[in-house]
Every structure is written in structure tokens, then in C-alpha cells.
Amino acid sequence: MEATLEIPAWRANLATIAAMMVRAKNELVRVPGAAIPGVLAPTIFFLGLNGVFGALIGLRGFNASSYESFIVPVSMLQGAGFTGAAAGVNLARDIEQGWLDRLLVSPAPRWALLAGTVLAAAARSLIPALVVFVIALAIGAGFPGVDGIAICFLMVGAMAAVAACWGSMLALRFKSQSAAPLMQAGMLALIFTTTAYAPLALLQGWLQDIARVNPVTKVLEAARQGFVGTVTWADTWPGLLALAVLLAVFGALALREMGRTNR
């Protein structure tokens, strides 16, 4: 008798994650219009906010050479939030159509199924981020340098993963696409209650208090550093730590909901 070749568990799990990411890519290729909201919204936000509040750059204590440079990382993170929320909406659709039930009866572990969805969202978030970045450079934003670009896109991808965990948790909890507004609003609230519009010292009242304790402020500051100055480890590690905590918290919540599904 021929011996059956057993595939190691780690290879099978990696194949599952890769298959989930390919599926997400195929959805984007077959329905390219699905990517338009995630690209259009942060682009309009960037252009509109720059046009309305661009004069803030003249305030004493504003640490940027142009408002375009200051605001572009916010729009890139906003695109990440939309992309992560879209992953949650897609998961809710799969639940409604019964597709997730088929996946859950497969031998694949549930964490691998969730990881594939989250990593696909992280990769997809680079599309709107790149569009906003190119437009920003075209209208006068400063070039952040290669290290600044690398850190900014790392923050964007990781923030999209956080948003995907949040959206997936809500999709698994409510099992309906009607939770989409909450998926989007939650991430946008986290992003916009930071130093999105002005440096911390120039914020007033409750917005300054929330921005000071909001972990996404550290993420934004790390993503922004190349646009407003030089890249340093002192400004980078707090953003990495904040992302690690956010991923741990929202990832654990999403995985708990995944484990409760159909059990």
C-alpha cells in the first residue's frame, strides 16, 4: 500500500489564508466598482478639507509646511477604515447567503478563515491610499521620503486590518449587512477624534482630551511624521504598539464571535 502524504497543518493553514485572499482579490477584479467608494470618499475628504481648512497652516504652532502634507495621512487612514468596513459587509453578505456555513464545516480552523479576510483587507487598503498619495503629491504635498512612505503605508495596512476585525466582529454578531453603518462609523470615530485636523496643542476642549488618550492618535502621528518632518524611531514605536494593542483587542473579539457561530 502506498503511504498517504500528510500535509503539515501549518501549510494547510497558509493555503487557507491564501485562498481567502485570492477570493477577495477575485471579487475586486470581477466587480471593480466595489472599490470606488473606498477610493472616492477619502479623496473627496482630502480635497474638501484642504480647501476649507488649508489656512490653518498659518496658526502658530502648526508643525507642517503645507496643510496638504498634514492632512494626507488622515485621508489614507480613512480609506483603510472604509476598506476594513467593506470586509465586514462582505462577511455579513456571506453569512446571509450561507457561504460562511460551508466554510465553517471545512477542516480549516476558524482563525485561518478570519486571518484571510483581515489580510485581504490590509492588502486592498493600499489601493485608495496610493490614489490619495498621488493626488496629494500632485497638488503640493511634500515628499515624505522612502522611509516615510514605507511607515505610512504600513500604518494604513495595519489600520485596515484593525477595521476588518471590527467589521468582522459586528458581522458575526448581527449576521446582517444592516450593521454596515456601525462598521464604518466606529472606525471613522476612532480616526477623526485624533489630531486629524490640527496638532494636539491647538485642539480645544473635549476633542483634545479624547485625542490625547485615543490610541489611533499614535498611529496617525507615526504615519504623518515623514510628511511633516523626519522619521524617527521615537515617533514610530508608539504607533506600532498602538496597532498591536488594537489588533489584539479587536482580533480577539472577532475570533470569539467566529468561535460562537453555529455552535
Protein backbone atom coordinates (compact mmCIF):
# COMPACT_ATOMS: atom_id res chain seq x y z
CA MET A 1 0.00 0.00 0.00
CA GLU A 2 1.20 3.45 -0.82
CA ALA A 3 1.67 5.74 2.13
CA THR A 4 -0.61 8.78 2.15
CA LEU A 5 1.34 12.03 2.15
CA GLU A 6 0.04 14.14 5.01
CA ILE A 7 0.23 17.89 4.54
CA PRO A 8 1.60 19.71 7.60
CA ALA A 9 -1.04 21.74 9.45
CA TRP A 10 0.87 24.99 9.02
CA ARG A 11 0.99 24.57 5.25
CA ALA A 12 -2.71 23.79 5.11
CA ASN A 13 -3.48 26.88 7.19
CA LEU A 14 -1.34 29.08 4.97
CA ALA A 15 -3.10 27.67 1.91
CA THR A 16 -6.45 28.50 3.50
CA ILE A 17 -5.39 32.08 4.21
CA ALA A 18 -4.05 32.45 0.67
CA ALA A 19 -7.28 31.06 -0.80
CA MET A 20 -9.35 33.56 1.19
CA MET A 21 -7.14 36.41 -0.01
CA VAL A 22 -7.40 35.24 -3.63
CA ARG A 23 -11.17 35.10 -3.28
CA ALA A 24 -11.23 38.71 -2.07
CA LYS A 25 -8.98 39.71 -4.97
CA ASN A 26 -11.25 37.97 -7.46
CA GLU A 27 -14.26 39.82 -6.08
CA LEU A 28 -12.47 43.10 -6.69
CA VAL A 29 -11.46 42.10 -10.23
CA ARG A 30 -14.95 40.91 -11.16
CA VAL A 31 -16.71 43.92 -9.60
CA PRO A 32 -14.18 46.79 -9.79
CA GLY A 33 -16.90 49.29 -8.98
CA ALA A 34 -16.93 47.94 -5.43
CA ALA A 35 -13.62 49.71 -4.82
CA ILE A 36 -14.93 53.12 -5.91
CA PRO A 37 -16.46 54.20 -2.55
CA GLY A 38 -13.27 53.34 -0.70
CA VAL A 39 -11.24 55.42 -3.15
CA LEU A 40 -13.68 58.26 -3.75
CA ALA A 41 -14.60 59.06 -0.14
CA PRO A 42 -11.06 59.70 1.20
CA THR A 43 -10.14 61.58 -1.98
CA ILE A 44 -13.13 63.93 -1.64
CA PHE A 45 -12.38 64.31 2.05
CA PHE A 46 -8.78 65.22 1.35
CA LEU A 47 -9.60 67.79 -1.34
CA GLY A 48 -12.54 69.28 0.56
CA LEU A 49 -10.84 69.55 3.92
CA ASN A 50 -7.73 71.03 2.38
CA GLY A 51 -9.81 73.65 0.58
CA VAL A 52 -11.80 74.61 3.67
CA PHE A 53 -9.18 74.44 6.41
CA GLY A 54 -5.95 74.98 4.48
CA ALA A 55 -5.46 78.39 6.09
CA LEU A 56 -4.92 76.72 9.46
CA ILE A 57 -1.32 76.24 8.43
CA GLY A 58 -0.77 79.89 9.34
CA LEU A 59 -1.51 79.30 13.02
CA ARG A 60 1.42 79.49 15.40
CA GLY A 61 2.47 76.01 16.46
CA PHE A 62 1.35 74.25 13.29
CA ASN A 63 4.22 71.86 12.59
CA ALA A 64 3.87 71.38 8.84
CA SER A 65 4.97 73.22 5.73
CA SER A 66 1.61 72.69 3.99
CA TYR A 67 -1.85 71.54 5.02
CA GLU A 68 -1.78 69.02 2.18
CA SER A 69 1.15 67.28 3.85
CA PHE A 70 -0.55 67.42 7.24
CA ILE A 71 -3.90 66.01 6.15
CA VAL A 72 -2.96 63.35 3.57
CA PRO A 73 -2.19 60.59 6.14
CA VAL A 74 -5.64 61.15 7.67
CA SER A 75 -7.31 60.53 4.32
CA MET A 76 -5.18 57.44 3.76
CA LEU A 77 -6.24 56.05 7.14
CA GLN A 78 -9.83 56.95 6.32
CA GLY A 79 -9.53 54.81 3.20
CA ALA A 80 -8.24 52.00 5.39
CA GLY A 81 -11.30 52.36 7.61
CA PHE A 82 -13.65 52.11 4.63
CA THR A 83 -11.79 49.08 3.30
CA GLY A 84 -11.95 47.28 6.63
CA ALA A 85 -15.65 48.07 6.95
CA ALA A 86 -16.21 46.70 3.44
CA ALA A 87 -14.61 43.43 4.56
CA GLY A 88 -17.15 43.25 7.36
CA VAL A 89 -20.02 43.95 4.97
CA ASN A 90 -18.79 41.23 2.62
CA LEU A 91 -18.61 38.78 5.51
CA ALA A 92 -22.17 39.69 6.51
CA ARG A 93 -23.24 39.02 2.93
CA ASP A 94 -21.55 35.62 3.05
CA ILE A 95 -23.43 34.86 6.27
CA GLU A 96 -26.76 35.85 4.74
CA GLN A 97 -26.13 33.74 1.65
CA GLY A 98 -24.98 30.70 3.60
CA TRP A 99 -21.42 30.73 2.23
CA LEU A 100 -19.84 31.07 5.67
CA ASP A 101 -21.69 27.95 6.84
CA ARG A 102 -19.90 25.96 4.13
CA LEU A 103 -16.54 27.31 5.21
CA LEU A 104 -17.18 26.54 8.86
CA VAL A 105 -17.80 22.84 8.21
CA SER A 106 -14.47 22.55 6.40
CA PRO A 107 -11.36 21.30 8.23
CA ALA A 108 -9.87 24.80 8.14
CA PRO A 109 -9.51 26.39 11.59
CA ARG A 110 -11.68 29.43 12.14
CA TRP A 111 -8.76 31.71 12.91
CA ALA A 112 -7.35 30.99 9.44
CA LEU A 113 -10.64 31.93 7.80
CA LEU A 114 -10.68 35.19 9.75
CA ALA A 115 -7.00 35.87 9.03
CA GLY A 116 -7.58 35.54 5.30
CA THR A 117 -10.36 38.14 5.42
CA VAL A 118 -8.29 40.53 7.54
CA LEU A 119 -5.11 40.24 5.48
CA ALA A 120 -7.08 40.71 2.25
CA ALA A 121 -8.48 43.97 3.64
CA ALA A 122 -4.99 45.11 4.60
CA ALA A 123 -3.71 44.50 1.07
CA ARG A 124 -6.76 46.09 -0.55
CA SER A 125 -6.38 49.26 1.55
CA LEU A 126 -3.20 50.12 -0.33
CA ILE A 127 -5.27 50.98 -3.43
CA PRO A 128 -7.10 54.05 -2.03
CA ALA A 129 -4.00 55.00 -0.06
CA LEU A 130 -1.94 55.10 -3.25
CA VAL A 131 -4.58 57.15 -5.10
CA VAL A 132 -4.78 59.74 -2.32
CA PHE A 133 -1.00 59.85 -2.02
CA VAL A 134 -0.50 60.53 -5.73
CA ILE A 135 -3.17 63.26 -5.74
CA ALA A 136 -1.60 64.85 -2.67
CA LEU A 137 1.81 65.00 -4.32
CA ALA A 138 0.23 66.47 -7.45
CA ILE A 139 -1.33 69.40 -5.58
CA GLY A 140 1.65 70.27 -3.41
CA ALA A 141 2.17 67.83 -0.53
CA GLY A 142 5.78 67.27 0.43
CA PHE A 143 7.52 64.03 -0.42
CA PRO A 144 7.94 62.07 2.83
CA GLY A 145 10.98 60.07 1.75
CA VAL A 146 11.22 56.36 1.21
CA ASP A 147 11.17 55.60 4.93
CA GLY A 148 8.21 57.92 5.44
CA ILE A 149 6.28 56.21 2.64
CA ALA A 150 7.06 52.75 3.99
CA ILE A 151 5.93 53.59 7.52
CA CYS A 152 2.81 55.41 6.32
CA PHE A 153 1.66 52.50 4.15
CA LEU A 154 2.48 50.05 6.95
CA MET A 155 0.23 52.04 9.27
CA VAL A 156 -2.50 52.15 6.64
CA GLY A 157 -2.43 48.40 6.03
CA ALA A 158 -2.40 47.59 9.73
CA MET A 159 -5.24 50.04 10.40
CA ALA A 160 -7.27 48.34 7.67
CA ALA A 161 -6.66 45.04 9.47
CA VAL A 162 -7.97 46.59 12.70
CA ALA A 163 -11.04 47.88 10.84
CA ALA A 164 -11.59 44.46 9.26
CA CYS A 165 -11.51 42.81 12.69
CA TRP A 166 -14.04 45.36 13.95
CA GLY A 167 -16.28 44.88 10.92
CA SER A 168 -15.99 41.09 11.09
CA MET A 169 -16.91 41.09 14.77
CA LEU A 170 -20.06 43.10 14.06
CA ALA A 171 -20.93 40.96 11.03
CA LEU A 172 -20.64 37.78 13.08
CA ARG A 173 -22.61 39.29 15.94
CA PHE A 174 -25.53 40.74 13.94
CA LYS A 175 -25.30 38.43 10.89
CA SER A 176 -26.70 41.16 8.65
CA GLN A 177 -25.42 43.79 6.23
CA SER A 178 -27.61 46.27 8.10
CA ALA A 179 -24.72 46.62 10.56
CA ALA A 180 -22.63 48.34 7.85
CA PRO A 181 -23.21 51.90 9.17
CA LEU A 182 -21.92 50.87 12.59
CA MET A 183 -18.85 49.25 11.00
CA GLN A 184 -17.98 52.49 9.20
CA ALA A 185 -18.95 54.89 11.98
CA GLY A 186 -16.89 53.09 14.59
CA MET A 187 -13.67 53.34 12.60
CA LEU A 188 -14.28 56.90 11.42
CA ALA A 189 -14.92 57.97 15.01
CA LEU A 190 -11.58 56.47 16.06
CA ILE A 191 -9.73 58.19 13.19
CA PHE A 192 -11.34 61.63 13.41
CA THR A 193 -11.10 62.01 17.20
CA THR A 194 -7.33 62.28 16.87
CA THR A 195 -5.03 65.07 15.73
CA ALA A 196 -6.68 64.76 12.33
CA TYR A 197 -7.34 68.47 11.81
CA ALA A 198 -4.65 70.19 13.87
CA PRO A 199 -1.76 69.40 16.24
CA LEU A 200 -2.73 68.34 19.74
CA ALA A 201 -1.68 71.66 21.28
CA LEU A 202 -4.10 73.54 19.02
CA LEU A 203 -7.12 71.36 19.75
CA GLN A 204 -9.63 72.57 22.32
CA GLY A 205 -11.90 71.08 24.95
CA TRP A 206 -13.19 67.53 24.73
CA LEU A 207 -11.58 66.88 21.34
CA GLN A 208 -8.12 67.48 22.80
CA ASP A 209 -8.90 65.24 25.78
CA ILE A 210 -10.09 62.38 23.57
CA ALA A 211 -7.24 62.80 21.07
CA ARG A 212 -4.72 62.57 23.90
CA VAL A 213 -5.93 59.11 25.00
CA ASN A 214 -7.06 57.77 21.62
CA PRO A 215 -4.52 55.10 20.53
CA VAL A 216 -5.14 55.95 16.87
CA THR A 217 -3.53 59.34 17.53
CA LYS A 218 -0.22 57.49 17.89
CA VAL A 219 -0.90 55.63 14.65
CA LEU A 220 -1.65 58.87 12.80
CA GLU A 221 1.41 60.62 14.19
CA ALA A 222 3.62 57.73 13.08
CA ALA A 223 2.07 57.78 9.59
CA ARG A 224 2.38 61.57 9.38
CA GLN A 225 5.97 62.02 10.57
CA GLY A 226 7.60 61.78 7.15
CA PHE A 227 5.21 64.38 5.73
CA VAL A 228 5.83 67.00 8.44
CA GLY A 229 9.42 66.27 9.44
CA THR A 230 11.93 63.48 9.75
CA VAL A 231 11.22 59.84 10.53
CA THR A 232 12.41 58.73 13.96
CA TRP A 233 12.05 55.58 16.00
CA ALA A 234 10.67 57.67 18.88
CA ASP A 235 7.68 58.64 16.72
CA THR A 236 7.33 55.20 15.16
CA TRP A 237 7.23 52.70 18.02
CA PRO A 238 4.18 54.26 19.80
CA GLY A 239 2.19 53.80 16.58
CA LEU A 240 3.35 50.19 16.24
CA LEU A 241 2.46 49.49 19.87
CA ALA A 242 -0.98 51.08 19.48
CA LEU A 243 -1.66 48.98 16.40
CA ALA A 244 -0.54 45.82 18.17
CA VAL A 245 -2.95 46.52 21.04
CA LEU A 246 -5.84 47.38 18.70
CA LEU A 247 -5.24 44.25 16.62
CA ALA A 248 -5.06 42.09 19.75
CA VAL A 249 -8.30 43.52 21.17
CA PHE A 250 -10.43 43.62 18.01
CA GLY A 251 -8.91 40.40 16.69
CA ALA A 252 -9.77 38.59 19.91
CA LEU A 253 -13.34 39.93 19.79
CA ALA A 254 -13.77 38.87 16.16
CA LEU A 255 -12.29 35.43 16.83
CA ARG A 256 -14.61 34.96 19.81
CA GLU A 257 -17.63 35.75 17.64
CA MET A 258 -16.28 33.41 14.95
CA GLY A 259 -15.97 30.65 17.52
CA ARG A 260 -19.55 31.15 18.68
CA THR A 261 -21.01 30.99 15.18
CA ASN A 262 -23.12 27.85 14.55
CA ARG A 263 -22.22 26.35 17.90
